[in-house]
Amino acid sequence: MLQEEIFVGIRERHIKGFRGIQLLRRSLPDGVEFVTIMTFDSLAAVREFAGTDYEKAVVPPRARALLGRFDERSAHYEVVDEAR
């Protein structure tokens, strides 16, 4: 669902300043944990994606129904250095 529906839907919004999205996964003794990392050029682009309360996690209803838990608030970081 993430890759075929949600990620595609985000890309199709053509948000100016949206750079990409990554999905990370790790196995835990009591299940599997997923983390999504989205990159944007600016906080304005984040607001266009998430709305005025841009720290409120954007989790569609269908995804909420599948997840055992998720963070209600998103954390935002500024890239200060990048090695390639």
N, C-alpha and C. Protein backbone atom coordinates (compact mmCIF):
# COMPACT_ATOMS: atom_id res chain seq x y z
N MET A 1 0.82 -1.19 0.00
CA MET A 1 0.00 0.00 0.00
C MET A 1 0.87 1.26 0.00
N LEU A 2 1.93 1.27 0.80
CA LEU A 2 2.79 2.46 0.85
C LEU A 2 3.37 2.79 -0.51
N GLN A 3 4.01 1.82 -1.11
CA GLN A 3 4.69 2.08 -2.37
C GLN A 3 3.74 2.28 -3.54
N GLU A 4 2.66 1.51 -3.58
CA GLU A 4 1.76 1.54 -4.74
C GLU A 4 0.67 2.61 -4.64
N GLU A 5 0.35 3.05 -3.43
CA GLU A 5 -0.76 3.98 -3.26
C GLU A 5 -0.31 5.31 -2.66
N ILE A 6 0.25 5.22 -1.46
CA ILE A 6 0.57 6.44 -0.72
C ILE A 6 1.73 7.19 -1.36
N PHE A 7 2.83 6.51 -1.64
CA PHE A 7 3.98 7.20 -2.24
C PHE A 7 3.63 7.78 -3.61
N VAL A 8 2.88 7.03 -4.40
CA VAL A 8 2.45 7.52 -5.71
C VAL A 8 1.57 8.75 -5.55
N GLY A 9 0.65 8.70 -4.60
CA GLY A 9 -0.23 9.84 -4.35
C GLY A 9 0.53 11.09 -3.94
N ILE A 10 1.58 10.92 -3.14
CA ILE A 10 2.41 12.06 -2.74
C ILE A 10 3.12 12.64 -3.96
N ARG A 11 3.72 11.78 -4.76
CA ARG A 11 4.43 12.25 -5.97
C ARG A 11 3.48 12.96 -6.92
N GLU A 12 2.26 12.45 -7.05
CA GLU A 12 1.29 13.03 -7.99
C GLU A 12 0.77 14.39 -7.54
N ARG A 13 1.03 14.77 -6.31
CA ARG A 13 0.62 16.11 -5.85
C ARG A 13 1.56 17.19 -6.41
N HIS A 14 2.71 16.79 -6.91
CA HIS A 14 3.68 17.71 -7.53
C HIS A 14 3.96 18.91 -6.62
N ILE A 15 4.29 18.63 -5.38
CA ILE A 15 4.59 19.68 -4.41
C ILE A 15 5.95 20.28 -4.76
N LYS A 16 5.96 21.60 -5.00
CA LYS A 16 7.22 22.28 -5.29
C LYS A 16 8.11 22.19 -4.05
N GLY A 17 9.30 21.66 -4.22
CA GLY A 17 10.23 21.53 -3.11
C GLY A 17 10.26 20.13 -2.50
N PHE A 18 9.38 19.23 -2.93
CA PHE A 18 9.42 17.84 -2.46
C PHE A 18 10.56 17.14 -3.18
N ARG A 19 11.48 16.55 -2.43
CA ARG A 19 12.64 15.88 -3.02
C ARG A 19 12.49 14.38 -3.11
N GLY A 20 11.85 13.77 -2.14
CA GLY A 20 11.71 12.32 -2.17
C GLY A 20 11.28 11.75 -0.84
N ILE A 21 11.09 10.43 -0.85
CA ILE A 21 10.64 9.72 0.35
C ILE A 21 11.35 8.38 0.42
N GLN A 22 11.71 7.99 1.62
CA GLN A 22 12.36 6.70 1.86
C GLN A 22 11.54 5.93 2.89
N LEU A 23 11.54 4.62 2.77
CA LEU A 23 10.89 3.74 3.73
C LEU A 23 11.96 2.85 4.35
N LEU A 24 12.07 2.89 5.67
CA LEU A 24 13.01 2.06 6.40
C LEU A 24 12.22 1.03 7.20
N ARG A 25 12.80 -0.16 7.37
CA ARG A 25 12.14 -1.23 8.10
C ARG A 25 13.15 -1.94 8.99
N ARG A 26 12.71 -2.33 10.18
CA ARG A 26 13.54 -3.18 11.03
C ARG A 26 12.65 -4.16 11.78
N SER A 27 13.16 -5.36 11.92
CA SER A 27 12.44 -6.40 12.65
C SER A 27 12.73 -6.26 14.13
N LEU A 28 11.68 -6.40 14.92
CA LEU A 28 11.77 -6.35 16.38
C LEU A 28 11.15 -7.63 16.93
N PRO A 29 11.46 -7.97 18.18
CA PRO A 29 10.89 -9.20 18.75
C PRO A 29 9.36 -9.24 18.73
N ASP A 30 8.73 -8.08 18.84
CA ASP A 30 7.26 -8.05 18.89
C ASP A 30 6.61 -7.53 17.61
N GLY A 31 7.36 -7.49 16.52
CA GLY A 31 6.79 -7.04 15.25
C GLY A 31 7.81 -6.38 14.36
N VAL A 32 7.33 -5.55 13.47
CA VAL A 32 8.18 -4.84 12.51
C VAL A 32 7.92 -3.35 12.67
N GLU A 33 8.98 -2.57 12.62
CA GLU A 33 8.86 -1.12 12.72
C GLU A 33 9.22 -0.50 11.38
N PHE A 34 8.44 0.48 10.96
CA PHE A 34 8.70 1.20 9.72
C PHE A 34 8.93 2.67 10.06
N VAL A 35 9.81 3.30 9.32
CA VAL A 35 10.05 4.74 9.44
C VAL A 35 10.05 5.31 8.02
N THR A 36 9.35 6.41 7.82
CA THR A 36 9.43 7.10 6.53
C THR A 36 10.22 8.38 6.74
N ILE A 37 11.07 8.66 5.77
CA ILE A 37 11.85 9.89 5.78
C ILE A 37 11.54 10.63 4.49
N MET A 38 11.00 11.83 4.64
CA MET A 38 10.69 12.66 3.48
C MET A 38 11.63 13.85 3.48
N THR A 39 12.06 14.24 2.29
CA THR A 39 12.94 15.41 2.19
C THR A 39 12.27 16.48 1.33
N PHE A 40 12.42 17.72 1.82
CA PHE A 40 11.85 18.89 1.17
C PHE A 40 12.91 19.98 1.12
N ASP A 41 12.76 20.90 0.19
CA ASP A 41 13.66 22.05 0.07
C ASP A 41 13.45 23.09 1.15
N SER A 42 12.23 23.16 1.69
CA SER A 42 11.92 24.25 2.62
C SER A 42 10.76 23.86 3.54
N LEU A 43 10.61 24.62 4.60
CA LEU A 43 9.48 24.42 5.50
C LEU A 43 8.17 24.77 4.80
N ALA A 44 8.22 25.69 3.87
CA ALA A 44 7.02 26.03 3.09
C ALA A 44 6.53 24.80 2.31
N ALA A 45 7.45 24.01 1.77
CA ALA A 45 7.07 22.80 1.04
C ALA A 45 6.49 21.76 2.00
N VAL A 46 7.04 21.67 3.20
CA VAL A 46 6.49 20.77 4.22
C VAL A 46 5.06 21.18 4.54
N ARG A 47 4.83 22.47 4.71
CA ARG A 47 3.48 22.97 5.01
C ARG A 47 2.52 22.68 3.86
N GLU A 48 3.00 22.79 2.64
CA GLU A 48 2.12 22.47 1.50
C GLU A 48 1.72 21.00 1.55
N PHE A 49 2.63 20.14 1.97
CA PHE A 49 2.33 18.71 2.08
C PHE A 49 1.41 18.41 3.27
N ALA A 50 1.77 18.93 4.45
CA ALA A 50 1.13 18.51 5.69
C ALA A 50 0.07 19.46 6.21
N GLY A 51 0.06 20.70 5.73
CA GLY A 51 -0.92 21.67 6.21
C GLY A 51 -0.32 22.59 7.26
N THR A 52 -1.16 23.46 7.79
CA THR A 52 -0.73 24.46 8.75
C THR A 52 -0.08 23.83 9.98
N ASP A 53 -0.71 22.79 10.54
CA ASP A 53 -0.13 22.06 11.67
C ASP A 53 0.80 20.99 11.10
N TYR A 54 1.91 21.44 10.55
CA TYR A 54 2.80 20.55 9.79
C TYR A 54 3.49 19.50 10.65
N GLU A 55 3.41 19.60 11.98
CA GLU A 55 4.00 18.58 12.84
C GLU A 55 3.03 17.43 13.11
N LYS A 56 1.77 17.59 12.75
CA LYS A 56 0.81 16.50 12.89
C LYS A 56 1.12 15.46 11.82
N ALA A 57 1.28 14.21 12.24
CA ALA A 57 1.63 13.15 11.30
C ALA A 57 0.55 12.98 10.24
N VAL A 58 0.98 12.83 9.00
CA VAL A 58 0.07 12.60 7.88
C VAL A 58 -0.01 11.09 7.68
N VAL A 59 -1.05 10.48 8.23
CA VAL A 59 -1.25 9.03 8.14
C VAL A 59 -2.67 8.80 7.65
N PRO A 60 -2.83 8.39 6.39
CA PRO A 60 -4.18 8.18 5.84
C PRO A 60 -4.97 7.14 6.64
N PRO A 61 -6.30 7.25 6.64
CA PRO A 61 -7.14 6.33 7.41
C PRO A 61 -6.87 4.86 7.12
N ARG A 62 -6.65 4.51 5.89
CA ARG A 62 -6.40 3.11 5.55
C ARG A 62 -5.11 2.61 6.18
N ALA A 63 -4.09 3.46 6.20
CA ALA A 63 -2.82 3.09 6.84
C ALA A 63 -3.00 3.00 8.35
N ARG A 64 -3.77 3.92 8.93
CA ARG A 64 -4.03 3.88 10.38
C ARG A 64 -4.65 2.55 10.78
N ALA A 65 -5.52 2.02 9.94
CA ALA A 65 -6.21 0.77 10.24
C ALA A 65 -5.25 -0.42 10.25
N LEU A 66 -4.16 -0.33 9.50
CA LEU A 66 -3.20 -1.43 9.40
C LEU A 66 -2.10 -1.38 10.45
N LEU A 67 -1.81 -0.19 10.95
CA LEU A 67 -0.69 -0.01 11.86
C LEU A 67 -1.08 -0.34 13.31
N GLY A 68 -0.16 -1.01 14.01
CA GLY A 68 -0.38 -1.28 15.43
C GLY A 68 -0.25 -0.01 16.25
N ARG A 69 0.63 0.87 15.82
CA ARG A 69 0.82 2.17 16.45
C ARG A 69 1.59 3.06 15.49
N PHE A 70 1.53 4.37 15.73
CA PHE A 70 2.32 5.33 14.96
C PHE A 70 2.44 6.61 15.76
N ASP A 71 3.44 7.38 15.45
CA ASP A 71 3.64 8.66 16.13
C ASP A 71 2.60 9.65 15.63
N GLU A 72 1.96 10.33 16.55
CA GLU A 72 0.95 11.34 16.21
C GLU A 72 1.60 12.62 15.69
N ARG A 73 2.85 12.86 16.07
CA ARG A 73 3.56 14.08 15.67
C ARG A 73 4.82 13.68 14.88
N SER A 74 5.15 14.46 13.88
CA SER A 74 6.34 14.24 13.08
C SER A 74 7.48 15.10 13.59
N ALA A 75 8.68 14.58 13.46
CA ALA A 75 9.88 15.36 13.82
C ALA A 75 10.47 15.93 12.54
N HIS A 76 10.95 17.15 12.61
CA HIS A 76 11.53 17.82 11.44
C HIS A 76 12.96 18.21 11.75
N TYR A 77 13.84 17.95 10.79
CA TYR A 77 15.25 18.22 10.96
C TYR A 77 15.76 19.01 9.76
N GLU A 78 16.76 19.80 9.98
CA GLU A 78 17.42 20.55 8.91
C GLU A 78 18.73 19.83 8.58
N VAL A 79 18.98 19.56 7.31
CA VAL A 79 20.24 18.96 6.90
C VAL A 79 21.33 20.02 7.01
N VAL A 80 22.36 19.71 7.80
CA VAL A 80 23.46 20.67 7.96
C VAL A 80 24.73 20.19 7.29
N ASP A 81 24.79 18.91 6.92
CA ASP A 81 25.93 18.37 6.21
C ASP A 81 25.51 17.09 5.54
N GLU A 82 26.10 16.81 4.39
CA GLU A 82 25.74 15.60 3.65
C GLU A 82 26.97 15.09 2.92
N ALA A 83 27.29 13.81 3.13
CA ALA A 83 28.42 13.18 2.44
C ALA A 83 27.86 12.19 1.42
N ARG A 84 28.48 12.14 0.29
CA ARG A 84 28.06 11.17 -0.76
C ARG A 84 29.24 10.37 -1.21
